[in-house]
Amino acid sequence: MDDEPLVRAGLRLILDSADDISVVAEAGGVDAVESLRSHRVDVLLLDIRMPGVDGMSVLRQIVGAPAAPVVAMLTSFGLEEHVAEALREGAAGFLMKNSSPQQLIDAVRTLAAGCRVLAPEATGPVIEGYLASGDDAEAVRLVHRLSGRELQVLAQVAAGLSNLDIAKRMHLAHGTVKDHVSSVLTKLGGLNRVQAAVVAERAGLLRPGQDRS
């Protein structure tokens, strides 16, 4: 959903080029909610600032509704003032309009798979926000919930490795790593990978000398 027809047309062209993605609807802010009621949507890309009804207002209206789509906010400016609010309101991702076509396609696939996505420009504000809250004692308390293998997996997640890379490094099946990561995020309180990485950092899992293998 974007207020600029040219932007919407460009997004449609990019996403429709992927064999496994179909754009079923597009609309400006005023028509966004009604359009969602008329179509089955799995992933919604939502511009933060639109005239009439802005993206944050649309987000608040649809999150929590039956069969609500996974929402990623789309923007080209003002990340610091919007990232935390959008994530608190239920957005699953934050993307930049200047993302490459392949980055955009990969992001939609990731969102459809139930995972979160954050543009590199958004990661800094998110991590800084979490580092500014709580203390190391709380992070240590959280990681004490994990088994030894789960601690190893968390350290790899915090180092920025994908599930496939973790599987190769730890000589585990990809499905096994996926299960471990899901268990870790659940035990940490339903965090996403970026938030879990912050907990790992604050708990000291990434300090020199820590065993990550």
N, C-alpha and C. Protein backbone atom coordinates (compact mmCIF):
# COMPACT_ATOMS: atom_id res chain seq x y z
N MET A 1 0.84 -1.18 0.00
CA MET A 1 0.00 0.00 0.00
C MET A 1 0.89 1.25 0.00
N ASP A 2 0.70 2.10 -0.98
CA ASP A 2 1.51 3.31 -1.12
C ASP A 2 0.65 4.35 -1.80
N ASP A 3 0.88 5.62 -1.47
CA ASP A 3 0.07 6.68 -2.05
C ASP A 3 0.51 7.06 -3.46
N GLU A 4 1.67 6.61 -3.91
CA GLU A 4 2.19 6.98 -5.21
C GLU A 4 1.96 5.85 -6.22
N PRO A 5 1.13 6.06 -7.23
CA PRO A 5 0.87 5.02 -8.22
C PRO A 5 2.13 4.48 -8.89
N LEU A 6 3.10 5.35 -9.13
CA LEU A 6 4.33 4.91 -9.78
C LEU A 6 5.09 3.93 -8.90
N VAL A 7 5.13 4.22 -7.60
CA VAL A 7 5.80 3.31 -6.67
C VAL A 7 5.08 1.97 -6.62
N ARG A 8 3.75 2.01 -6.55
CA ARG A 8 2.98 0.77 -6.51
C ARG A 8 3.21 -0.06 -7.78
N ALA A 9 3.26 0.62 -8.92
CA ALA A 9 3.48 -0.09 -10.18
C ALA A 9 4.86 -0.74 -10.20
N GLY A 10 5.85 -0.03 -9.68
CA GLY A 10 7.20 -0.59 -9.64
C GLY A 10 7.29 -1.80 -8.73
N LEU A 11 6.64 -1.72 -7.57
CA LEU A 11 6.63 -2.85 -6.64
C LEU A 11 5.93 -4.06 -7.26
N ARG A 12 4.81 -3.81 -7.92
CA ARG A 12 4.09 -4.90 -8.57
C ARG A 12 4.96 -5.57 -9.63
N LEU A 13 5.62 -4.76 -10.44
CA LEU A 13 6.47 -5.30 -11.51
C LEU A 13 7.57 -6.18 -10.93
N ILE A 14 8.20 -5.72 -9.86
CA ILE A 14 9.29 -6.47 -9.24
C ILE A 14 8.77 -7.78 -8.65
N LEU A 15 7.72 -7.70 -7.85
CA LEU A 15 7.24 -8.87 -7.13
C LEU A 15 6.59 -9.89 -8.07
N ASP A 16 5.89 -9.42 -9.09
CA ASP A 16 5.26 -10.35 -10.03
C ASP A 16 6.29 -11.08 -10.89
N SER A 17 7.53 -10.60 -10.89
CA SER A 17 8.58 -11.28 -11.65
C SER A 17 9.03 -12.57 -10.97
N ALA A 18 8.68 -12.74 -9.69
CA ALA A 18 9.02 -13.96 -8.96
C ALA A 18 7.93 -15.00 -9.18
N ASP A 19 8.32 -16.22 -9.50
CA ASP A 19 7.34 -17.26 -9.81
C ASP A 19 6.44 -17.61 -8.63
N ASP A 20 6.94 -17.42 -7.41
CA ASP A 20 6.19 -17.85 -6.23
C ASP A 20 5.50 -16.70 -5.50
N ILE A 21 5.42 -15.52 -6.13
CA ILE A 21 4.78 -14.36 -5.51
C ILE A 21 3.75 -13.78 -6.47
N SER A 22 2.56 -13.49 -5.95
CA SER A 22 1.51 -12.86 -6.75
C SER A 22 1.00 -11.62 -6.02
N VAL A 23 0.98 -10.50 -6.70
CA VAL A 23 0.43 -9.27 -6.13
C VAL A 23 -1.07 -9.29 -6.38
N VAL A 24 -1.86 -9.38 -5.32
CA VAL A 24 -3.31 -9.52 -5.47
C VAL A 24 -4.04 -8.19 -5.33
N ALA A 25 -3.37 -7.17 -4.77
CA ALA A 25 -4.03 -5.88 -4.60
C ALA A 25 -3.01 -4.79 -4.36
N GLU A 26 -3.39 -3.57 -4.67
CA GLU A 26 -2.57 -2.40 -4.37
C GLU A 26 -3.52 -1.23 -4.16
N ALA A 27 -3.16 -0.33 -3.26
CA ALA A 27 -4.07 0.79 -2.96
C ALA A 27 -3.31 1.88 -2.24
N GLY A 28 -3.91 3.08 -2.22
CA GLY A 28 -3.39 4.17 -1.42
C GLY A 28 -3.92 4.05 0.00
N GLY A 29 -3.52 4.97 0.85
CA GLY A 29 -3.86 4.87 2.27
C GLY A 29 -5.34 4.86 2.56
N VAL A 30 -6.12 5.70 1.89
CA VAL A 30 -7.55 5.81 2.16
C VAL A 30 -8.27 4.50 1.85
N ASP A 31 -7.83 3.80 0.80
CA ASP A 31 -8.50 2.58 0.36
C ASP A 31 -7.86 1.31 0.89
N ALA A 32 -6.82 1.44 1.69
CA ALA A 32 -6.03 0.28 2.09
C ALA A 32 -6.83 -0.76 2.87
N VAL A 33 -7.51 -0.32 3.91
CA VAL A 33 -8.23 -1.27 4.77
C VAL A 33 -9.34 -1.96 3.99
N GLU A 34 -10.09 -1.20 3.20
CA GLU A 34 -11.18 -1.79 2.40
C GLU A 34 -10.64 -2.80 1.40
N SER A 35 -9.49 -2.49 0.80
CA SER A 35 -8.89 -3.40 -0.15
C SER A 35 -8.49 -4.71 0.52
N LEU A 36 -8.00 -4.62 1.74
CA LEU A 36 -7.61 -5.82 2.46
C LEU A 36 -8.81 -6.70 2.80
N ARG A 37 -9.94 -6.09 3.01
CA ARG A 37 -11.15 -6.85 3.30
C ARG A 37 -11.65 -7.61 2.08
N SER A 38 -11.26 -7.14 0.90
CA SER A 38 -11.75 -7.74 -0.35
C SER A 38 -10.81 -8.78 -0.92
N HIS A 39 -9.64 -8.93 -0.34
CA HIS A 39 -8.65 -9.85 -0.89
C HIS A 39 -8.00 -10.66 0.24
N ARG A 40 -7.59 -11.87 -0.09
CA ARG A 40 -6.82 -12.68 0.84
C ARG A 40 -5.35 -12.31 0.66
N VAL A 41 -4.76 -11.71 1.67
CA VAL A 41 -3.40 -11.20 1.58
C VAL A 41 -2.53 -11.88 2.64
N ASP A 42 -1.41 -12.42 2.23
CA ASP A 42 -0.49 -13.06 3.18
C ASP A 42 0.55 -12.08 3.70
N VAL A 43 1.06 -11.22 2.81
CA VAL A 43 2.10 -10.25 3.18
C VAL A 43 1.68 -8.87 2.67
N LEU A 44 1.78 -7.88 3.53
CA LEU A 44 1.42 -6.51 3.16
C LEU A 44 2.63 -5.61 3.31
N LEU A 45 2.98 -4.90 2.25
CA LEU A 45 4.01 -3.86 2.30
C LEU A 45 3.28 -2.54 2.45
N LEU A 46 3.57 -1.83 3.52
CA LEU A 46 2.77 -0.66 3.89
C LEU A 46 3.66 0.57 4.06
N ASP A 47 3.41 1.57 3.24
CA ASP A 47 4.17 2.82 3.34
C ASP A 47 3.83 3.52 4.65
N ILE A 48 4.83 4.04 5.34
CA ILE A 48 4.58 4.67 6.64
C ILE A 48 3.81 5.95 6.48
N ARG A 49 4.19 6.79 5.54
CA ARG A 49 3.55 8.10 5.40
C ARG A 49 2.76 8.17 4.11
N MET A 50 1.43 8.30 4.27
CA MET A 50 0.53 8.47 3.13
C MET A 50 -0.48 9.55 3.49
N PRO A 51 -0.89 10.36 2.52
CA PRO A 51 -1.88 11.41 2.83
C PRO A 51 -3.23 10.80 3.19
N GLY A 52 -3.97 11.48 4.04
CA GLY A 52 -5.28 10.99 4.43
C GLY A 52 -5.19 10.01 5.57
N VAL A 53 -4.77 8.78 5.28
CA VAL A 53 -4.59 7.74 6.29
C VAL A 53 -3.17 7.24 6.19
N ASP A 54 -2.37 7.44 7.24
CA ASP A 54 -0.97 7.03 7.14
C ASP A 54 -0.82 5.54 7.47
N GLY A 55 0.38 5.03 7.18
CA GLY A 55 0.63 3.61 7.35
C GLY A 55 0.47 3.11 8.77
N MET A 56 0.86 3.92 9.75
CA MET A 56 0.74 3.49 11.14
C MET A 56 -0.73 3.32 11.52
N SER A 57 -1.60 4.18 11.01
CA SER A 57 -3.03 4.06 11.28
C SER A 57 -3.59 2.79 10.68
N VAL A 58 -3.18 2.48 9.45
CA VAL A 58 -3.63 1.25 8.80
C VAL A 58 -3.13 0.04 9.58
N LEU A 59 -1.87 0.08 10.01
CA LEU A 59 -1.30 -1.02 10.77
C LEU A 59 -2.12 -1.30 12.02
N ARG A 60 -2.47 -0.26 12.75
CA ARG A 60 -3.23 -0.44 13.98
C ARG A 60 -4.61 -1.04 13.72
N GLN A 61 -5.18 -0.73 12.57
CA GLN A 61 -6.52 -1.23 12.25
C GLN A 61 -6.52 -2.70 11.88
N ILE A 62 -5.44 -3.20 11.29
CA ILE A 62 -5.47 -4.56 10.76
C ILE A 62 -4.76 -5.58 11.63
N VAL A 63 -3.78 -5.15 12.44
CA VAL A 63 -3.06 -6.11 13.28
C VAL A 63 -4.02 -6.69 14.31
N GLY A 64 -4.02 -7.97 14.43
CA GLY A 64 -4.90 -8.62 15.40
C GLY A 64 -6.25 -9.01 14.83
N ALA A 65 -6.57 -8.53 13.62
CA ALA A 65 -7.83 -8.91 12.99
C ALA A 65 -7.74 -10.34 12.48
N PRO A 66 -8.86 -11.04 12.34
CA PRO A 66 -8.82 -12.41 11.82
C PRO A 66 -8.14 -12.47 10.46
N ALA A 67 -7.26 -13.45 10.30
CA ALA A 67 -6.53 -13.64 9.03
C ALA A 67 -5.77 -12.39 8.59
N ALA A 68 -5.27 -11.64 9.56
CA ALA A 68 -4.50 -10.43 9.23
C ALA A 68 -3.20 -10.81 8.53
N PRO A 69 -2.78 -10.04 7.54
CA PRO A 69 -1.53 -10.35 6.85
C PRO A 69 -0.31 -9.99 7.71
N VAL A 70 0.82 -10.54 7.36
CA VAL A 70 2.09 -10.12 7.94
C VAL A 70 2.44 -8.77 7.33
N VAL A 71 2.80 -7.81 8.15
CA VAL A 71 3.01 -6.45 7.65
C VAL A 71 4.47 -6.04 7.77
N ALA A 72 5.00 -5.49 6.68
CA ALA A 72 6.31 -4.86 6.70
C ALA A 72 6.13 -3.40 6.31
N MET A 73 6.71 -2.50 7.09
CA MET A 73 6.62 -1.08 6.79
C MET A 73 7.66 -0.73 5.74
N LEU A 74 7.26 0.14 4.84
CA LEU A 74 8.11 0.54 3.72
C LEU A 74 8.33 2.04 3.78
N THR A 75 9.58 2.46 3.75
CA THR A 75 9.84 3.90 3.86
C THR A 75 11.16 4.27 3.21
N SER A 76 11.38 5.56 3.11
CA SER A 76 12.64 6.06 2.54
C SER A 76 13.28 7.11 3.41
N PHE A 77 12.73 7.32 4.62
CA PHE A 77 13.26 8.38 5.46
C PHE A 77 12.79 8.18 6.89
N GLY A 78 13.41 8.90 7.84
CA GLY A 78 12.94 8.97 9.21
C GLY A 78 12.90 7.66 9.97
N LEU A 79 13.86 6.80 9.74
CA LEU A 79 13.84 5.48 10.39
C LEU A 79 13.80 5.58 11.91
N GLU A 80 14.67 6.39 12.48
CA GLU A 80 14.82 6.40 13.93
C GLU A 80 13.52 6.69 14.66
N GLU A 81 12.68 7.55 14.09
CA GLU A 81 11.46 7.94 14.78
C GLU A 81 10.31 6.96 14.56
N HIS A 82 10.47 5.99 13.65
CA HIS A 82 9.36 5.10 13.33
C HIS A 82 9.61 3.63 13.63
N VAL A 83 10.86 3.18 13.64
CA VAL A 83 11.14 1.75 13.76
C VAL A 83 10.51 1.15 15.01
N ALA A 84 10.85 1.70 16.17
CA ALA A 84 10.38 1.12 17.43
C ALA A 84 8.86 1.13 17.51
N GLU A 85 8.24 2.23 17.08
CA GLU A 85 6.79 2.33 17.15
C GLU A 85 6.13 1.28 16.26
N ALA A 86 6.64 1.12 15.04
CA ALA A 86 6.05 0.15 14.11
C ALA A 86 6.17 -1.27 14.65
N LEU A 87 7.31 -1.63 15.21
CA LEU A 87 7.50 -2.97 15.75
C LEU A 87 6.61 -3.19 16.97
N ARG A 88 6.47 -2.16 17.80
CA ARG A 88 5.58 -2.28 18.96
C ARG A 88 4.13 -2.48 18.53
N GLU A 89 3.75 -1.86 17.43
CA GLU A 89 2.37 -1.94 16.96
C GLU A 89 2.07 -3.24 16.21
N GLY A 90 3.10 -4.06 15.99
CA GLY A 90 2.86 -5.37 15.38
C GLY A 90 3.45 -5.59 14.02
N ALA A 91 4.22 -4.63 13.49
CA ALA A 91 4.88 -4.86 12.20
C ALA A 91 5.92 -5.95 12.34
N ALA A 92 6.07 -6.75 11.29
CA ALA A 92 7.04 -7.85 11.30
C ALA A 92 8.32 -7.48 10.56
N GLY A 93 8.36 -6.30 9.98
CA GLY A 93 9.56 -5.93 9.24
C GLY A 93 9.59 -4.46 8.91
N PHE A 94 10.75 -4.03 8.44
CA PHE A 94 10.97 -2.63 8.09
C PHE A 94 11.90 -2.60 6.89
N LEU A 95 11.40 -2.11 5.75
CA LEU A 95 12.15 -2.14 4.51
C LEU A 95 12.31 -0.74 3.93
N MET A 96 13.37 -0.56 3.17
CA MET A 96 13.62 0.71 2.51
C MET A 96 13.13 0.65 1.06
N LYS A 97 12.60 1.76 0.57
CA LYS A 97 12.13 1.82 -0.81
C LYS A 97 13.27 1.67 -1.81
N ASN A 98 14.49 1.96 -1.39
CA ASN A 98 15.62 1.83 -2.31
C ASN A 98 16.25 0.44 -2.25
N SER A 99 15.56 -0.54 -1.63
CA SER A 99 16.05 -1.91 -1.64
C SER A 99 16.14 -2.41 -3.08
N SER A 100 17.08 -3.29 -3.35
CA SER A 100 17.19 -3.85 -4.69
C SER A 100 16.01 -4.78 -4.96
N PRO A 101 15.68 -5.02 -6.23
CA PRO A 101 14.58 -5.93 -6.53
C PRO A 101 14.73 -7.30 -5.85
N GLN A 102 15.94 -7.86 -5.86
CA GLN A 102 16.12 -9.17 -5.24
C GLN A 102 15.95 -9.10 -3.72
N GLN A 103 16.42 -8.02 -3.12
CA GLN A 103 16.23 -7.86 -1.67
C GLN A 103 14.75 -7.80 -1.33
N LEU A 104 13.97 -7.11 -2.15
CA LEU A 104 12.54 -6.99 -1.91
C LEU A 104 11.86 -8.35 -2.04
N ILE A 105 12.19 -9.09 -3.08
CA ILE A 105 11.61 -10.42 -3.28
C ILE A 105 11.98 -11.34 -2.14
N ASP A 106 13.25 -11.33 -1.74
CA ASP A 106 13.70 -12.19 -0.63
C ASP A 106 12.98 -11.82 0.66
N ALA A 107 12.77 -10.52 0.87
CA ALA A 107 12.11 -10.06 2.09
C ALA A 107 10.67 -10.57 2.15
N VAL A 108 9.96 -10.50 1.03
CA VAL A 108 8.57 -10.99 1.00
C VAL A 108 8.53 -12.48 1.27
N ARG A 109 9.46 -13.23 0.70
CA ARG A 109 9.52 -14.67 0.96
C ARG A 109 9.79 -14.95 2.44
N THR A 110 10.68 -14.17 3.03
CA THR A 110 11.00 -14.34 4.45
C THR A 110 9.79 -14.05 5.32
N LEU A 111 9.08 -12.98 5.01
CA LEU A 111 7.88 -12.62 5.76
C LEU A 111 6.80 -13.69 5.62
N ALA A 112 6.63 -14.21 4.41
CA ALA A 112 5.62 -15.24 4.17
C ALA A 112 5.94 -16.51 4.94
N ALA A 113 7.23 -16.74 5.22
CA ALA A 113 7.65 -17.93 5.96
C ALA A 113 7.50 -17.76 7.47
N GLY A 114 7.03 -16.58 7.89
CA GLY A 114 6.80 -16.34 9.31
C GLY A 114 7.96 -15.72 10.05
N CYS A 115 8.96 -15.25 9.31
CA CYS A 115 10.12 -14.63 9.94
C CYS A 115 10.04 -13.11 9.79
N ARG A 116 10.93 -12.42 10.48
CA ARG A 116 10.96 -10.96 10.44
C ARG A 116 12.10 -10.48 9.56
N VAL A 117 11.96 -9.27 9.05
CA VAL A 117 13.02 -8.68 8.24
C VAL A 117 13.25 -7.25 8.69
N LEU A 118 14.51 -6.85 8.71
CA LEU A 118 14.86 -5.47 9.04
C LEU A 118 15.92 -4.98 8.06
N ALA A 119 15.65 -3.85 7.45
CA ALA A 119 16.66 -3.23 6.60
C ALA A 119 17.88 -2.90 7.45
N PRO A 120 19.08 -2.99 6.88
CA PRO A 120 20.28 -2.66 7.66
C PRO A 120 20.18 -1.30 8.34
N GLU A 121 19.53 -0.34 7.68
CA GLU A 121 19.40 1.00 8.26
C GLU A 121 18.54 1.00 9.52
N ALA A 122 17.69 -0.03 9.66
CA ALA A 122 16.80 -0.09 10.82
C ALA A 122 17.39 -0.88 11.98
N THR A 123 18.38 -1.69 11.71
CA THR A 123 18.93 -2.56 12.75
C THR A 123 19.56 -1.75 13.87
N GLY A 124 20.30 -0.69 13.51
CA GLY A 124 20.96 0.14 14.52
C GLY A 124 19.99 0.71 15.54
N PRO A 125 18.94 1.42 15.10
CA PRO A 125 17.98 1.96 16.06
C PRO A 125 17.33 0.91 16.94
N VAL A 126 17.04 -0.27 16.38
CA VAL A 126 16.42 -1.33 17.18
C VAL A 126 17.36 -1.81 18.26
N ILE A 127 18.60 -2.11 17.89
CA ILE A 127 19.57 -2.61 18.86
C ILE A 127 19.86 -1.55 19.92
N GLU A 128 20.01 -0.30 19.50
CA GLU A 128 20.28 0.76 20.47
C GLU A 128 19.14 0.90 21.46
N GLY A 129 17.91 0.72 20.98
CA GLY A 129 16.76 0.81 21.87
C GLY A 129 16.76 -0.29 22.91
N TYR A 130 17.12 -1.48 22.50
CA TYR A 130 17.15 -2.58 23.46
C TYR A 130 18.34 -2.48 24.41
N LEU A 131 19.45 -1.99 23.90
CA LEU A 131 20.62 -1.83 24.76
C LEU A 131 20.36 -0.76 25.82
N ALA A 132 19.50 0.19 25.49
CA ALA A 132 19.22 1.28 26.43
C ALA A 132 18.23 0.87 27.52
N SER A 133 17.61 -0.29 27.39
CA SER A 133 16.62 -0.73 28.37
C SER A 133 17.12 -1.96 29.12
N GLY A 134 16.72 -2.09 30.38
CA GLY A 134 17.09 -3.27 31.15
C GLY A 134 18.55 -3.25 31.53
N ASP A 135 19.04 -4.41 32.00
CA ASP A 135 20.44 -4.50 32.37
C ASP A 135 20.98 -5.87 32.04
N ASP A 136 22.28 -6.08 32.21
CA ASP A 136 22.91 -7.35 31.86
C ASP A 136 22.39 -8.49 32.71
N ALA A 137 22.00 -8.22 33.94
CA ALA A 137 21.49 -9.27 34.81
C ALA A 137 20.24 -9.91 34.21
N GLU A 138 19.39 -9.10 33.61
CA GLU A 138 18.18 -9.63 32.98
C GLU A 138 18.53 -10.50 31.78
N ALA A 139 19.51 -10.08 30.99
CA ALA A 139 19.94 -10.88 29.84
C ALA A 139 20.50 -12.22 30.30
N VAL A 140 21.30 -12.21 31.37
CA VAL A 140 21.86 -13.45 31.90
C VAL A 140 20.74 -14.37 32.38
N ARG A 141 19.75 -13.79 33.04
CA ARG A 141 18.62 -14.59 33.53
C ARG A 141 17.90 -15.26 32.36
N LEU A 142 17.75 -14.54 31.27
CA LEU A 142 17.06 -15.10 30.11
C LEU A 142 17.83 -16.26 29.49
N VAL A 143 19.14 -16.08 29.30
CA VAL A 143 19.90 -17.14 28.64
C VAL A 143 20.07 -18.37 29.52
N HIS A 144 19.89 -18.22 30.83
CA HIS A 144 19.96 -19.38 31.72
C HIS A 144 18.80 -20.33 31.48
N ARG A 145 17.79 -19.90 30.74
CA ARG A 145 16.68 -20.78 30.40
C ARG A 145 17.06 -21.79 29.32
N LEU A 146 18.17 -21.53 28.64
CA LEU A 146 18.54 -22.32 27.47
C LEU A 146 19.43 -23.49 27.82
N SER A 147 19.34 -24.56 27.03
CA SER A 147 20.24 -25.69 27.17
C SER A 147 21.60 -25.33 26.58
N GLY A 148 22.59 -26.19 26.80
CA GLY A 148 23.91 -25.93 26.27
C GLY A 148 23.92 -25.82 24.75
N ARG A 149 23.20 -26.70 24.07
CA ARG A 149 23.15 -26.65 22.61
C ARG A 149 22.43 -25.39 22.16
N GLU A 150 21.38 -24.99 22.88
CA GLU A 150 20.64 -23.78 22.51
C GLU A 150 21.50 -22.54 22.70
N LEU A 151 22.36 -22.54 23.71
CA LEU A 151 23.28 -21.42 23.89
C LEU A 151 24.23 -21.30 22.71
N GLN A 152 24.71 -22.45 22.22
CA GLN A 152 25.59 -22.45 21.06
C GLN A 152 24.86 -21.89 19.84
N VAL A 153 23.64 -22.31 19.65
CA VAL A 153 22.85 -21.84 18.52
C VAL A 153 22.59 -20.33 18.64
N LEU A 154 22.26 -19.87 19.84
CA LEU A 154 22.02 -18.44 20.04
C LEU A 154 23.26 -17.62 19.70
N ALA A 155 24.43 -18.10 20.08
CA ALA A 155 25.67 -17.38 19.77
C ALA A 155 25.87 -17.27 18.27
N GLN A 156 25.50 -18.32 17.53
CA GLN A 156 25.64 -18.28 16.07
C GLN A 156 24.62 -17.32 15.46
N VAL A 157 23.41 -17.32 16.00
CA VAL A 157 22.40 -16.37 15.53
C VAL A 157 22.88 -14.94 15.76
N ALA A 158 23.43 -14.70 16.95
CA ALA A 158 23.91 -13.36 17.29
C ALA A 158 25.08 -12.93 16.41
N ALA A 159 25.82 -13.91 15.91
CA ALA A 159 26.94 -13.60 15.01
C ALA A 159 26.47 -13.30 13.59
N GLY A 160 25.16 -13.43 13.36
CA GLY A 160 24.59 -13.08 12.07
C GLY A 160 24.46 -14.23 11.09
N LEU A 161 24.65 -15.47 11.57
CA LEU A 161 24.57 -16.61 10.67
C LEU A 161 23.12 -17.01 10.40
N SER A 162 22.87 -17.48 9.19
CA SER A 162 21.55 -18.01 8.85
C SER A 162 21.42 -19.42 9.41
N ASN A 163 20.21 -19.96 9.40
CA ASN A 163 20.01 -21.32 9.88
C ASN A 163 20.85 -22.32 9.09
N LEU A 164 20.94 -22.10 7.77
CA LEU A 164 21.73 -23.01 6.94
C LEU A 164 23.20 -22.94 7.29
N ASP A 165 23.72 -21.75 7.52
CA ASP A 165 25.12 -21.60 7.90
C ASP A 165 25.40 -22.22 9.26
N ILE A 166 24.45 -22.06 10.18
CA ILE A 166 24.61 -22.66 11.51
C ILE A 166 24.65 -24.17 11.38
N ALA A 167 23.77 -24.72 10.55
CA ALA A 167 23.74 -26.17 10.35
C ALA A 167 25.07 -26.68 9.83
N LYS A 168 25.67 -25.97 8.89
CA LYS A 168 26.96 -26.39 8.35
C LYS A 168 28.05 -26.29 9.40
N ARG A 169 28.07 -25.20 10.15
CA ARG A 169 29.12 -24.99 11.15
C ARG A 169 29.02 -25.99 12.29
N MET A 170 27.80 -26.32 12.71
CA MET A 170 27.60 -27.19 13.86
C MET A 170 27.37 -28.65 13.46
N HIS A 171 27.41 -28.90 12.14
CA HIS A 171 27.24 -30.26 11.61
C HIS A 171 25.90 -30.85 12.06
N LEU A 172 24.85 -30.07 11.87
CA LEU A 172 23.50 -30.49 12.22
C LEU A 172 22.61 -30.40 10.99
N ALA A 173 21.49 -31.12 11.02
CA ALA A 173 20.52 -31.01 9.94
C ALA A 173 19.86 -29.63 9.98
N HIS A 174 19.52 -29.12 8.81
CA HIS A 174 18.92 -27.80 8.74
C HIS A 174 17.63 -27.75 9.56
N GLY A 175 16.82 -28.79 9.48
CA GLY A 175 15.59 -28.83 10.25
C GLY A 175 15.83 -28.82 11.75
N THR A 176 16.90 -29.47 12.18
CA THR A 176 17.24 -29.48 13.60
C THR A 176 17.60 -28.08 14.09
N VAL A 177 18.37 -27.36 13.28
CA VAL A 177 18.74 -25.99 13.64
C VAL A 177 17.51 -25.10 13.68
N LYS A 178 16.63 -25.27 12.73
CA LYS A 178 15.40 -24.48 12.71
C LYS A 178 14.60 -24.70 13.99
N ASP A 179 14.53 -25.95 14.44
CA ASP A 179 13.82 -26.27 15.68
C ASP A 179 14.51 -25.63 16.88
N HIS A 180 15.84 -25.70 16.90
CA HIS A 180 16.60 -25.10 18.01
C HIS A 180 16.37 -23.58 18.06
N VAL A 181 16.44 -22.92 16.90
CA VAL A 181 16.25 -21.47 16.86
C VAL A 181 14.85 -21.11 17.34
N SER A 182 13.85 -21.85 16.89
CA SER A 182 12.48 -21.59 17.33
C SER A 182 12.35 -21.74 18.84
N SER A 183 12.99 -22.77 19.39
CA SER A 183 12.94 -23.01 20.83
C SER A 183 13.65 -21.88 21.58
N VAL A 184 14.78 -21.43 21.07
CA VAL A 184 15.54 -20.35 21.70
C VAL A 184 14.70 -19.08 21.76
N LEU A 185 14.12 -18.69 20.63
CA LEU A 185 13.34 -17.46 20.57
C LEU A 185 12.12 -17.53 21.49
N THR A 186 11.52 -18.71 21.58
CA THR A 186 10.37 -18.88 22.47
C THR A 186 10.79 -18.77 23.93
N LYS A 187 11.88 -19.43 24.31
CA LYS A 187 12.35 -19.40 25.69
C LYS A 187 12.79 -18.01 26.11
N LEU A 188 13.23 -17.21 25.15
CA LEU A 188 13.66 -15.85 25.47
C LEU A 188 12.48 -14.88 25.56
N GLY A 189 11.29 -15.41 25.36
CA GLY A 189 10.10 -14.56 25.53
C GLY A 189 9.45 -14.15 24.23
N GLY A 190 9.63 -14.96 23.17
CA GLY A 190 9.01 -14.63 21.89
C GLY A 190 9.74 -13.54 21.13
N LEU A 191 11.05 -13.44 21.32
CA LEU A 191 11.83 -12.42 20.63
C LEU A 191 12.05 -12.79 19.17
N ASN A 192 12.44 -11.80 18.37
CA ASN A 192 12.89 -12.10 17.02
C ASN A 192 14.42 -12.24 17.03
N ARG A 193 15.02 -12.52 15.88
CA ARG A 193 16.46 -12.81 15.84
C ARG A 193 17.30 -11.60 16.24
N VAL A 194 16.88 -10.41 15.82
CA VAL A 194 17.64 -9.20 16.18
C VAL A 194 17.62 -8.99 17.69
N GLN A 195 16.44 -9.13 18.29
CA GLN A 195 16.31 -8.95 19.74
C GLN A 195 17.11 -10.01 20.49
N ALA A 196 17.07 -11.25 19.99
CA ALA A 196 17.82 -12.32 20.62
C ALA A 196 19.32 -12.05 20.55
N ALA A 197 19.77 -11.47 19.45
CA ALA A 197 21.18 -11.12 19.31
C ALA A 197 21.60 -10.10 20.36
N VAL A 198 20.72 -9.15 20.65
CA VAL A 198 21.01 -8.15 21.68
C VAL A 198 21.13 -8.82 23.04
N VAL A 199 20.22 -9.74 23.34
CA VAL A 199 20.28 -10.47 24.62
C VAL A 199 21.59 -11.23 24.72
N ALA A 200 21.98 -11.89 23.64
CA ALA A 200 23.23 -12.66 23.64
C ALA A 200 24.43 -11.75 23.90
N GLU A 201 24.44 -10.60 23.27
CA GLU A 201 25.54 -9.64 23.45
C GLU A 201 25.60 -9.17 24.89
N ARG A 202 24.45 -8.81 25.45
CA ARG A 202 24.42 -8.28 26.81
C ARG A 202 24.71 -9.34 27.85
N ALA A 203 24.43 -10.61 27.50
CA ALA A 203 24.72 -11.70 28.43
C ALA A 203 26.17 -12.17 28.33
N GLY A 204 26.92 -11.60 27.39
CA GLY A 204 28.34 -11.94 27.28
C GLY A 204 28.66 -13.11 26.40
N LEU A 205 27.69 -13.61 25.62
CA LEU A 205 27.94 -14.79 24.80
C LEU A 205 28.91 -14.52 23.65
N LEU A 206 29.07 -13.26 23.28
CA LEU A 206 29.93 -12.94 22.14
C LEU A 206 31.28 -12.35 22.56
N ARG A 207 31.56 -12.39 23.84
CA ARG A 207 32.86 -11.87 24.30
C ARG A 207 33.98 -12.81 23.88
N PRO A 208 35.20 -12.24 23.66
CA PRO A 208 36.34 -13.09 23.29
C PRO A 208 36.52 -14.21 24.31
N GLY A 209 36.76 -15.41 23.76
CA GLY A 209 36.99 -16.54 24.64
C GLY A 209 35.78 -17.39 24.86
N GLN A 210 34.59 -16.87 24.46
CA GLN A 210 33.39 -17.67 24.60
C GLN A 210 33.36 -18.72 23.50
N ASP A 211 32.89 -19.92 23.82
CA ASP A 211 32.83 -21.02 22.86
C ASP A 211 31.58 -20.90 22.01
N ARG A 212 31.76 -20.71 20.69
CA ARG A 212 30.62 -20.58 19.81
C ARG A 212 30.45 -21.80 18.93
N SER A 213 31.28 -22.79 19.08
CA SER A 213 31.23 -23.94 18.18
C SER A 213 30.17 -24.93 18.59
